[in-house]
Amino acid sequence: MTTQFDKVYHGLSSQAGKFRVASSGMAWKGENDEDVTLVPSDQIKWAQWLRVARGFQLRVGMKGRREVFDGFERDDHDKLAALLKQHFSVTLEPQEVSVKGWNWGLTDFKGDDLAFLVSNKTSFELPLHQVANTNIAGRTEVSLEFSAPSSSKKPSKSAPDEMVEIRFFVPGQSTRARGSDAGSEKSDVEDDEISAAQVFHDSVKEKAGVGAVAGDMILSFEEVLVLTPRGRYDVDMFPDFLRLRGKTYDYKIVYTAISRLFLLPKDDLHVLFILGLSNPIRQGQTRYQYLVMQFSREEEISAELNLDEEELSKYERLQKSYEAPAFEVVSSVFRALSKKKITSAGSFQSRNGHPGLKANLKAVQGDLFMLDKFIFFVSKQPVLVDLSDVHQVVFSRVGAAMGASAARTFDMKVVTKSGPEYMFTSINKEEHEPTDAYLKDKKVRVKNEMVPEGDLLRAAADDSDEEMQSVASDEDEEPRVKRTGDDDEDTENGKLAPSTP
């Protein structure tokens, strides 16, 4: 005999389906015939009943995993409890939920979930398998960042909001035992005092598998120099994601979160490989939307991918082994695994034959690349401007009254249609002509407010003549003496009387 419950949701599904219970087990079927979840009777270990946002929820525990169904009515409890007892000899245990709304309490790791308890009642639970990164800021704050599964599609504008980050304030200290390095049979046990936030951070990393090697690693690049965020990281490449492993921070980045790839020559010795991320990574309060890696042109590596011929055939332009410059190997592997095109330098060339210019944005110095579709300023915080979003570019020379020293550089203000304006300063004056030609070739509106160099020098000469005349007039003027004190008595009719030696 089968009992059916309608309008029941499975997990985080937004579509309701039908839930059935029989002696052989449980089954849930969505609107799509292919969307079916089966729970065999011999795998059911426990069951829980609790109040959630979508009515009441049934949690079914199995070995190593659990299934969640919600949308039940309050009156369904007795019927479900009787069915579970009759078919599976399992007691439906009610779980109390805290509705106080307090933001302080205790944390408890329950299987694959992190539970936040208020007055010993569950306030909310977080799925640890969806934790992409966890970082610790200072000594008391731990952040958990979540990412959607790699198979999920790009959300539409009508998609609901999702939580992507949560922070926990964990004060106090904790102790952990550590053995001595003496090597004796009975090691001396010492108390190593660390912050409670560090213990919580380490526990989340362990439970969520952040930083651990999971799955079959295809290739690993060791000690890669990353300029943003600065440090040296090991880059482990997996089929669906990559992992950055540094001394302080570990990051898991799914390939679907990579929006763009850039391969740009920085100078005659170095090459930059840049990843644009749709979900920025974070260190403390700073977010990084771009990962900037730097490689030496002369550095060569040999690498062999951990893929058989069948798996290799799934990727385009991916080789079994490489023996080439490091930047070529890294960019080729990233291009194949992320399935993103690489943007390289365009036709623009500076006076030195480079695709970029030295410039400043506010107080930050960087390289300004003129690409086919973008203006890309690469620095500690890169800025990417789409040429289709540029309203106009204004050339100017600040400080014309300063003389010839101001004629050596010029400024370039980029005004975008979306609103932001970027003022790039201290660009060598010899780069004005190729930059102007590049923008006009791209059909970008250009406005020139630069003072001609001849007028600038004449203005400087005029200012110099005025200063010389001012100095001369000051030298011709006779000194005037003002007497004070008793000498005021010698004053007659407003004139100074001759003094007596």
Protein backbone atom coordinates (compact mmCIF):
# COMPACT_ATOMS: atom_id res chain seq x y z
CA MET A 1 0.00 0.00 0.00
CA THR A 2 1.32 3.44 -0.97
CA THR A 3 0.53 6.74 0.77
CA GLN A 4 0.98 9.98 -1.19
CA PHE A 5 1.54 13.58 -0.07
CA ASP A 6 1.14 16.40 -2.60
CA LYS A 7 2.94 19.76 -2.89
CA VAL A 8 6.13 18.55 -1.22
CA TYR A 9 9.56 20.04 -2.03
CA HIS A 10 12.83 18.13 -2.16
CA GLY A 11 15.89 19.88 -0.75
CA LEU A 12 16.26 23.38 -2.19
CA SER A 13 14.02 22.66 -5.18
CA SER A 14 11.70 25.50 -6.15
CA GLN A 15 9.21 23.12 -7.77
CA ALA A 16 6.77 21.09 -5.68
CA GLY A 17 6.24 17.40 -6.37
CA LYS A 18 4.64 14.24 -5.01
CA PHE A 19 6.03 12.32 -2.03
CA ARG A 20 5.15 8.65 -1.57
CA VAL A 21 5.79 6.19 1.25
CA ALA A 22 5.55 2.40 0.87
CA SER A 23 7.09 -0.67 2.48
CA SER A 24 9.87 -0.65 -0.13
CA GLY A 25 10.95 2.89 0.77
CA MET A 26 10.25 6.52 -0.08
CA ALA A 27 10.13 8.35 -3.39
CA TRP A 28 9.77 11.95 -4.54
CA LYS A 29 8.87 12.93 -8.09
CA GLY A 30 8.94 16.48 -9.45
CA GLU A 31 7.08 17.98 -12.38
CA ASN A 32 9.77 16.65 -14.69
CA ASP A 33 9.59 12.89 -15.09
CA GLU A 34 13.38 12.68 -14.87
CA ASP A 35 13.44 14.49 -11.50
CA VAL A 36 13.04 11.49 -9.16
CA THR A 37 14.62 10.78 -5.75
CA LEU A 38 14.47 7.29 -4.22
CA VAL A 39 15.16 6.31 -0.60
CA PRO A 40 15.29 2.48 -0.18
CA SER A 41 13.88 1.12 3.06
CA ASP A 42 17.06 -0.72 4.04
CA GLN A 43 19.03 2.57 4.05
CA ILE A 44 16.73 4.57 6.36
CA LYS A 45 18.39 5.03 9.79
CA TRP A 46 16.49 7.91 11.43
CA ALA A 47 13.86 10.57 10.77
CA GLN A 48 13.26 14.06 12.15
CA TRP A 49 10.34 16.50 12.02
CA LEU A 50 10.80 20.28 12.36
CA ARG A 51 9.26 23.61 11.46
CA VAL A 52 10.80 25.45 8.49
CA ALA A 53 9.96 28.32 6.14
CA ARG A 54 7.92 26.11 3.78
CA GLY A 55 5.70 24.46 6.35
CA PHE A 56 7.11 21.36 8.09
CA GLN A 57 10.15 19.35 7.08
CA LEU A 58 10.91 15.64 7.10
CA ARG A 59 14.59 14.72 7.37
CA VAL A 60 15.55 11.18 6.53
CA GLY A 61 19.00 10.02 7.64
CA MET A 62 20.98 7.38 5.77
CA LYS A 63 24.53 6.16 5.95
CA GLY A 64 26.79 9.02 4.94
CA ARG A 65 24.01 11.33 3.71
CA ARG A 66 20.49 12.55 4.29
CA GLU A 67 17.47 13.64 2.26
CA VAL A 68 15.22 16.57 3.11
CA PHE A 69 11.55 17.03 2.17
CA ASP A 70 9.45 20.01 3.22
CA GLY A 71 6.05 21.52 2.53
CA PHE A 72 4.14 19.16 4.84
CA GLU A 73 1.16 20.34 6.88
CA ARG A 74 0.99 20.16 10.67
CA ASP A 75 -1.66 17.46 10.45
CA ASP A 76 0.67 15.24 8.41
CA HIS A 77 2.86 14.51 11.44
CA ASP A 78 0.79 11.71 12.96
CA LYS A 79 0.26 10.02 9.60
CA LEU A 80 3.98 10.14 8.75
CA ALA A 81 4.98 8.94 12.21
CA ALA A 82 2.70 5.90 11.88
CA LEU A 83 4.00 5.07 8.39
CA LEU A 84 7.66 5.29 9.43
CA LYS A 85 7.04 3.09 12.45
CA GLN A 86 5.04 0.56 10.44
CA HIS A 87 7.29 0.21 7.36
CA PHE A 88 10.79 1.01 8.64
CA SER A 89 10.62 0.69 12.45
CA VAL A 90 11.89 4.28 12.73
CA THR A 91 10.61 6.84 15.24
CA LEU A 92 9.84 10.31 13.91
CA GLU A 93 11.69 12.60 16.33
CA PRO A 94 10.42 16.21 16.67
CA GLN A 95 13.15 18.86 16.66
CA GLU A 96 12.57 22.22 18.32
CA VAL A 97 13.64 25.33 16.40
CA SER A 98 14.62 28.63 18.02
CA VAL A 99 12.58 31.60 16.85
CA LYS A 100 14.08 34.18 19.24
CA GLY A 101 16.06 35.87 16.49
CA TRP A 102 19.20 36.15 18.61
CA ASN A 103 22.52 36.49 16.79
CA TRP A 104 24.62 34.92 19.53
CA GLY A 105 24.75 31.29 20.48
CA LEU A 106 26.75 28.08 19.95
CA THR A 107 27.87 26.23 16.82
CA ASP A 108 27.66 22.49 16.38
CA PHE A 109 28.84 20.32 13.49
CA LYS A 110 26.12 17.82 12.57
CA GLY A 111 27.29 15.60 9.76
CA ASP A 112 27.51 17.70 6.61
CA ASP A 113 25.89 20.74 8.25
CA LEU A 114 26.93 23.50 10.61
CA ALA A 115 24.15 24.22 13.10
CA PHE A 116 23.80 27.49 15.02
CA LEU A 117 22.12 26.88 18.38
CA VAL A 118 20.28 29.43 20.50
CA SER A 119 19.23 28.24 23.96
CA ASN A 120 20.11 24.68 22.85
CA LYS A 121 17.64 24.93 19.96
CA THR A 122 18.60 25.03 16.29
CA SER A 123 18.31 28.53 14.86
CA PHE A 124 19.64 27.71 11.37
CA GLU A 125 21.89 25.24 9.58
CA LEU A 126 24.46 25.75 6.83
CA PRO A 127 25.43 23.05 4.27
CA LEU A 128 29.19 22.63 4.60
CA HIS A 129 29.54 20.95 1.21
CA GLN A 130 28.66 24.31 -0.39
CA VAL A 131 31.36 26.25 1.49
CA ALA A 132 33.86 27.37 -1.14
CA ASN A 133 36.23 29.36 1.09
CA THR A 134 36.71 30.25 4.71
CA ASN A 135 38.96 33.04 5.97
CA ILE A 136 39.89 34.41 9.36
CA ALA A 137 40.25 38.16 9.87
CA GLY A 138 42.24 39.27 12.91
CA ARG A 139 41.70 36.96 15.86
CA THR A 140 37.95 36.92 16.27
CA GLU A 141 36.14 36.94 12.91
CA VAL A 142 35.64 33.97 10.58
CA SER A 143 33.89 34.25 7.22
CA LEU A 144 32.30 31.46 5.19
CA GLU A 145 31.80 31.97 1.45
CA PHE A 146 29.34 29.88 -0.52
CA SER A 147 29.22 29.06 -4.19
CA ALA A 148 26.66 27.36 -6.35
CA PRO A 149 27.46 23.87 -7.69
CA SER A 150 29.59 23.88 -10.82
CA SER A 151 26.76 22.32 -12.81
CA SER A 152 24.33 25.13 -12.05
CA LYS A 153 23.37 27.48 -14.83
CA LYS A 154 23.86 31.22 -14.79
CA PRO A 155 21.02 32.69 -12.70
CA SER A 156 18.43 34.78 -14.49
CA LYS A 157 17.24 38.23 -13.44
CA SER A 158 14.12 36.68 -11.92
CA ALA A 159 16.12 34.22 -9.79
CA PRO A 160 15.73 34.61 -6.00
CA ASP A 161 18.48 36.08 -3.83
CA GLU A 162 20.99 33.66 -2.35
CA MET A 163 23.31 34.05 0.61
CA VAL A 164 26.92 34.06 -0.58
CA GLU A 165 28.75 34.92 2.66
CA ILE A 166 28.25 34.81 6.44
CA ARG A 167 30.58 35.93 9.23
CA PHE A 168 30.92 34.63 12.74
CA PHE A 169 32.39 36.58 15.64
CA VAL A 170 34.20 34.03 17.81
CA PRO A 171 35.84 35.66 20.87
CA GLY A 172 38.03 34.05 23.51
CA GLN A 173 40.90 31.63 23.61
CA SER A 174 41.13 27.87 23.29
CA THR A 175 43.80 25.29 24.07
CA ARG A 176 44.90 22.22 22.21
CA ALA A 177 47.38 19.57 23.23
CA ARG A 178 50.54 19.02 21.25
CA GLY A 179 53.33 16.51 21.77
CA SER A 180 57.00 17.37 22.14
CA ASP A 181 59.57 16.51 19.51
CA ALA A 182 61.78 14.55 21.91
CA GLY A 183 60.86 11.23 20.33
CA SER A 184 60.47 9.39 23.61
CA GLU A 185 57.74 6.84 24.20
CA LYS A 186 55.87 9.21 26.54
CA SER A 187 55.88 12.62 24.91
CA ASP A 188 55.46 15.62 27.11
CA VAL A 189 52.09 17.21 26.45
CA GLU A 190 52.00 20.99 26.34
CA ASP A 191 49.08 23.34 26.03
CA ASP A 192 49.21 25.39 22.87
CA GLU A 193 46.90 28.38 23.35
CA ILE A 194 45.25 29.75 20.22
CA SER A 195 42.20 31.87 19.52
CA ALA A 196 38.79 30.23 19.52
CA ALA A 197 38.23 31.73 16.06
CA GLN A 198 41.25 29.82 14.73
CA VAL A 199 39.88 26.55 16.12
CA PHE A 200 36.49 27.23 14.52
CA HIS A 201 38.17 28.19 11.23
CA ASP A 202 40.23 24.97 11.19
CA SER A 203 37.15 22.87 11.98
CA VAL A 204 35.18 24.40 9.09
CA LYS A 205 38.09 23.78 6.71
CA GLU A 206 38.29 20.15 7.78
CA LYS A 207 34.55 19.46 7.65
CA ALA A 208 33.95 21.35 4.42
CA GLY A 209 37.03 19.98 2.68
CA VAL A 210 38.38 23.45 1.94
CA GLY A 211 42.09 23.09 1.24
CA ALA A 212 41.89 19.30 1.09
CA VAL A 213 42.65 17.36 -2.04
CA ALA A 214 39.35 16.02 -3.31
CA GLY A 215 38.90 14.21 -6.58
CA ASP A 216 41.49 13.48 -9.22
CA MET A 217 43.93 16.34 -9.67
CA ILE A 218 44.84 16.92 -13.30
CA LEU A 219 47.91 19.09 -12.81
CA SER A 220 49.57 21.27 -10.18
CA PHE A 221 51.68 24.42 -10.70
CA GLU A 222 53.91 25.09 -7.72
CA GLU A 223 55.03 28.43 -6.28
CA VAL A 224 53.27 30.62 -8.82
CA LEU A 225 53.90 34.33 -8.25
CA VAL A 226 50.55 36.08 -7.86
CA LEU A 227 50.66 39.87 -7.85
CA THR A 228 46.98 40.28 -6.91
CA PRO A 229 46.39 39.16 -4.19
CA ARG A 230 50.12 39.21 -3.57
CA GLY A 231 51.88 36.00 -2.59
CA ARG A 232 53.09 32.69 -3.91
CA TYR A 233 50.47 30.00 -4.37
CA ASP A 234 50.30 26.41 -5.51
CA VAL A 235 47.66 26.15 -8.24
CA ASP A 236 45.96 22.73 -8.29
CA MET A 237 43.82 22.04 -11.35
CA PHE A 238 40.82 19.70 -11.03
CA PRO A 239 38.16 18.80 -13.62
CA ASP A 240 35.57 21.27 -12.29
CA PHE A 241 37.55 23.74 -10.18
CA LEU A 242 40.99 25.00 -9.26
CA ARG A 243 42.46 25.51 -5.83
CA LEU A 244 44.91 28.22 -4.75
CA ARG A 245 46.95 27.09 -1.78
CA GLY A 246 48.98 29.74 -0.01
CA LYS A 247 50.61 30.02 3.39
CA THR A 248 47.66 31.94 4.87
CA TYR A 249 44.72 31.66 2.46
CA ASP A 250 43.21 28.79 0.50
CA TYR A 251 40.73 29.41 -2.29
CA LYS A 252 38.49 27.11 -4.28
CA ILE A 253 37.40 28.64 -7.60
CA VAL A 254 35.01 26.80 -9.91
CA TYR A 255 35.71 27.29 -13.59
CA THR A 256 32.21 28.65 -14.17
CA ALA A 257 33.18 31.62 -11.94
CA ILE A 258 35.95 32.63 -14.39
CA SER A 259 34.53 35.31 -16.69
CA ARG A 260 37.63 36.30 -18.73
CA LEU A 261 41.24 35.32 -19.34
CA PHE A 262 44.02 37.72 -20.36
CA LEU A 263 47.57 37.00 -21.47
CA LEU A 264 49.52 40.26 -21.72
CA PRO A 265 53.25 41.03 -21.97
CA LYS A 266 54.28 43.30 -19.11
CA ASP A 267 57.76 44.07 -20.43
CA ASP A 268 60.64 42.34 -22.21
CA LEU A 269 61.16 39.95 -19.28
CA HIS A 270 57.72 39.20 -17.82
CA VAL A 271 54.26 38.09 -18.95
CA LEU A 272 50.99 38.57 -17.05
CA PHE A 273 48.23 35.96 -16.99
CA ILE A 274 45.02 37.40 -15.52
CA LEU A 275 41.79 35.71 -14.44
CA GLY A 276 38.61 37.80 -14.27
CA LEU A 277 36.19 36.40 -11.66
CA SER A 278 32.43 36.83 -11.55
CA ASN A 279 32.54 36.08 -7.80
CA PRO A 280 35.47 38.00 -6.24
CA ILE A 281 37.63 36.31 -3.64
CA ARG A 282 38.37 38.12 -0.40
CA GLN A 283 41.22 38.70 2.00
CA GLY A 284 40.02 40.48 5.10
CA GLN A 285 37.99 43.48 3.96
CA THR A 286 39.51 43.55 0.46
CA ARG A 287 37.83 41.90 -2.50
CA TYR A 288 39.75 40.80 -5.57
CA GLN A 289 37.87 40.50 -8.83
CA TYR A 290 41.05 39.69 -10.76
CA LEU A 291 43.87 37.23 -10.15
CA VAL A 292 47.09 38.56 -11.67
CA MET A 293 49.85 35.98 -12.16
CA GLN A 294 53.33 36.91 -13.37
CA PHE A 295 55.72 34.61 -15.23
CA SER A 296 59.22 35.04 -16.54
CA ARG A 297 59.55 34.67 -20.29
CA GLU A 298 62.61 32.46 -19.86
CA GLU A 299 61.01 30.07 -17.33
CA GLU A 300 60.18 26.72 -18.91
CA ILE A 301 58.39 23.76 -17.34
CA SER A 302 57.65 20.15 -18.20
CA ALA A 303 54.20 18.87 -17.25
CA GLU A 304 52.17 15.74 -17.83
CA LEU A 305 48.41 15.73 -17.27
CA ASN A 306 46.72 13.08 -15.17
CA LEU A 307 44.19 12.23 -17.89
CA ASP A 308 43.75 9.21 -20.10
CA GLU A 309 43.09 9.49 -23.81
CA GLU A 310 39.30 9.27 -23.42
CA GLU A 311 39.19 12.04 -20.84
CA LEU A 312 41.65 14.13 -22.84
CA SER A 313 39.39 13.99 -25.90
CA LYS A 314 36.68 15.90 -23.98
CA TYR A 315 38.77 19.08 -24.00
CA GLU A 316 39.74 21.19 -26.98
CA ARG A 317 43.41 21.94 -27.63
CA LEU A 318 44.60 20.15 -24.50
CA GLN A 319 47.75 18.07 -24.76
CA LYS A 320 48.81 15.07 -22.73
CA SER A 321 52.22 16.58 -21.94
CA TYR A 322 53.89 19.96 -22.22
CA GLU A 323 57.44 21.22 -22.42
CA ALA A 324 57.27 24.94 -23.08
CA PRO A 325 57.48 28.35 -21.37
CA ALA A 326 55.52 28.39 -18.12
CA PHE A 327 53.07 31.09 -19.22
CA GLU A 328 52.15 29.11 -22.35
CA VAL A 329 51.50 25.91 -20.39
CA VAL A 330 49.42 27.65 -17.70
CA SER A 331 47.34 29.63 -20.19
CA SER A 332 46.71 26.56 -22.38
CA VAL A 333 45.51 24.46 -19.44
CA PHE A 334 43.28 27.24 -18.11
CA ARG A 335 41.79 27.87 -21.54
CA ALA A 336 40.90 24.20 -22.00
CA LEU A 337 39.50 23.54 -18.52
CA SER A 338 37.58 26.80 -18.13
CA LYS A 339 36.44 26.81 -21.78
CA LYS A 340 37.07 30.55 -21.97
CA LYS A 341 38.86 32.41 -24.73
CA ILE A 342 42.10 34.22 -23.96
CA THR A 343 42.30 37.94 -24.69
CA SER A 344 45.79 38.87 -25.85
CA ALA A 345 47.48 42.11 -26.84
CA GLY A 346 45.96 43.92 -29.80
CA SER A 347 47.51 46.03 -32.52
CA PHE A 348 48.36 48.98 -30.27
CA GLN A 349 52.06 49.62 -29.68
CA SER A 350 53.68 52.24 -27.49
CA ARG A 351 56.83 54.14 -28.42
CA ASN A 352 58.81 51.17 -27.03
CA GLY A 353 56.81 48.63 -29.00
CA HIS A 354 54.80 47.44 -25.96
CA PRO A 355 51.00 47.01 -25.86
CA GLY A 356 50.81 48.95 -22.59
CA LEU A 357 51.66 52.36 -21.12
CA LYS A 358 52.93 53.35 -17.72
CA ALA A 359 50.27 55.43 -15.96
CA ASN A 360 48.82 56.31 -12.57
CA LEU A 361 45.24 55.98 -11.40
CA LYS A 362 44.92 58.19 -8.35
CA ALA A 363 48.02 57.27 -6.32
CA VAL A 364 48.42 53.77 -7.81
CA GLN A 365 50.95 53.10 -10.57
CA GLY A 366 50.26 50.40 -13.13
CA ASP A 367 50.21 49.33 -16.76
CA LEU A 368 47.53 50.69 -19.08
CA PHE A 369 46.80 48.21 -21.87
CA MET A 370 45.01 49.29 -25.05
CA LEU A 371 43.27 46.13 -26.26
CA ASP A 372 40.93 45.50 -29.19
CA LYS A 373 37.77 45.75 -27.08
CA PHE A 374 38.97 47.00 -23.70
CA ILE A 375 41.10 49.53 -21.88
CA PHE A 376 42.67 47.51 -19.08
CA PHE A 377 44.56 49.15 -16.19
CA VAL A 378 46.53 46.44 -14.39
CA SER A 379 47.68 47.29 -10.85
CA LYS A 380 46.95 46.17 -7.29
CA GLN A 381 43.28 46.75 -8.09
CA PRO A 382 42.82 46.25 -11.88
CA VAL A 383 40.18 48.26 -13.74
CA LEU A 384 38.60 47.00 -16.96
CA VAL A 385 36.75 49.45 -19.21
CA ASP A 386 34.79 48.15 -22.18
CA LEU A 387 35.32 50.36 -25.24
CA SER A 388 31.62 50.11 -26.06
CA ASP A 389 30.91 51.78 -22.70
CA VAL A 390 33.24 54.75 -23.31
CA HIS A 391 31.42 58.05 -23.88
CA GLN A 392 34.53 60.11 -24.55
CA VAL A 393 38.22 60.43 -23.74
CA VAL A 394 39.66 63.81 -22.72
CA PHE A 395 43.37 64.58 -23.07
CA SER A 396 44.73 67.31 -20.81
CA ARG A 397 47.98 68.60 -19.37
CA VAL A 398 47.73 69.68 -15.74
CA GLY A 399 49.90 72.47 -14.37
CA ALA A 400 50.61 74.45 -17.53
CA ALA A 401 51.94 77.35 -15.45
CA MET A 402 54.65 75.06 -14.06
CA GLY A 403 56.63 75.35 -17.26
CA ALA A 404 58.48 72.79 -19.34
CA SER A 405 58.36 70.16 -16.59
CA ALA A 406 54.60 69.80 -17.12
CA ALA A 407 55.08 69.25 -20.86
CA ARG A 408 56.73 65.87 -20.36
CA THR A 409 53.48 64.09 -19.38
CA PHE A 410 49.76 64.28 -20.08
CA ASP A 411 46.56 63.05 -18.46
CA MET A 412 43.78 60.99 -19.99
CA LYS A 413 40.27 61.02 -18.55
CA VAL A 414 37.98 58.19 -19.63
CA VAL A 415 34.28 59.05 -19.26
CA THR A 416 31.97 56.03 -19.43
CA LYS A 417 28.31 55.86 -20.41
CA SER A 418 27.51 53.88 -17.25
CA GLY A 419 28.75 56.70 -15.02
CA PRO A 420 32.28 56.18 -13.60
CA GLU A 421 35.15 58.36 -14.75
CA TYR A 422 38.80 57.33 -14.64
CA MET A 423 41.65 59.86 -14.68
CA PHE A 424 44.92 58.28 -15.81
CA THR A 425 47.84 60.62 -15.10
CA SER A 426 51.59 60.92 -15.68
CA ILE A 427 51.59 59.35 -19.13
CA ASN A 428 54.68 60.09 -21.19
CA LYS A 429 53.97 62.82 -23.78
CA GLU A 430 55.45 60.65 -26.55
CA GLU A 431 52.56 58.21 -26.06
CA HIS A 432 49.93 60.82 -26.93
CA GLU A 433 50.09 60.36 -30.69
CA PRO A 434 49.74 56.52 -30.75
CA THR A 435 47.04 56.67 -28.06
CA ASP A 436 45.07 59.28 -29.98
CA ALA A 437 45.36 57.23 -33.18
CA TYR A 438 44.23 54.07 -31.36
CA LEU A 439 41.11 55.73 -29.93
CA LYS A 440 40.12 57.31 -33.24
CA ASP A 441 40.58 53.94 -34.97
CA LYS A 442 38.15 52.45 -32.40
CA LYS A 443 35.62 55.20 -33.17
CA VAL A 444 35.94 56.65 -29.67
CA ARG A 445 35.09 60.31 -29.22
CA VAL A 446 38.26 62.24 -28.30
CA LYS A 447 38.49 65.74 -26.83
CA ASN A 448 41.86 67.48 -26.66
CA GLU A 449 42.34 70.08 -23.92
CA MET A 450 46.12 70.00 -23.99
CA VAL A 451 48.00 73.29 -24.22
CA PRO A 452 50.39 73.34 -27.23
CA GLU A 453 53.98 72.94 -26.17
CA GLY A 454 55.04 76.27 -27.76
CA ASP A 455 52.34 78.17 -25.88
CA LEU A 456 53.31 76.32 -22.72
CA LEU A 457 56.94 77.39 -23.05
CA ARG A 458 55.96 80.99 -23.84
CA ALA A 459 53.68 81.07 -20.83
CA ALA A 460 56.52 79.74 -18.72
CA ALA A 461 58.89 82.42 -20.14
CA ASP A 462 56.33 85.18 -19.46
CA ASP A 463 55.96 83.97 -15.90
CA SER A 464 59.74 83.99 -15.54
CA ASP A 465 59.96 87.61 -16.84
CA GLU A 466 57.28 88.75 -14.43
CA GLU A 467 59.16 87.17 -11.55
CA MET A 468 62.42 88.92 -12.60
CA GLN A 469 60.65 92.31 -12.86
CA SER A 470 59.09 91.79 -9.46
CA VAL A 471 62.47 91.04 -7.93
CA ALA A 472 64.06 94.10 -9.59
CA SER A 473 61.32 96.42 -8.35
CA ASP A 474 61.81 95.12 -4.85
CA GLU A 475 65.55 95.83 -5.03
CA ASP A 476 65.03 99.48 -6.26
CA GLU A 477 62.68 100.40 -3.44
CA GLU A 478 64.48 102.26 -0.54
CA PRO A 479 64.29 100.67 2.86
CA ARG A 480 61.91 102.31 5.30
CA VAL A 481 62.57 102.48 9.04
CA LYS A 482 59.94 102.53 11.69
CA ARG A 483 61.07 103.70 15.11
CA THR A 484 59.44 102.59 18.30
CA GLY A 485 59.75 103.37 21.95
CA ASP A 486 61.35 106.70 23.09
CA ASP A 487 62.30 107.65 19.51
CA ASP A 488 58.65 108.54 18.91
CA GLU A 489 59.29 111.83 20.75
CA ASP A 490 61.65 112.92 17.93
CA THR A 491 58.85 112.79 15.43
CA GLU A 492 57.86 116.22 14.11
CA ASN A 493 54.94 116.84 11.74
CA GLY A 494 54.82 113.23 10.78
CA LYS A 495 58.53 113.11 9.78
CA LEU A 496 61.46 111.50 11.51
CA ALA A 497 63.84 113.90 13.23
CA PRO A 498 67.56 113.23 12.85
CA SER A 499 68.86 111.02 15.57
CA THR A 500 71.74 111.93 17.86
CA PRO A 501 74.60 109.50 17.88
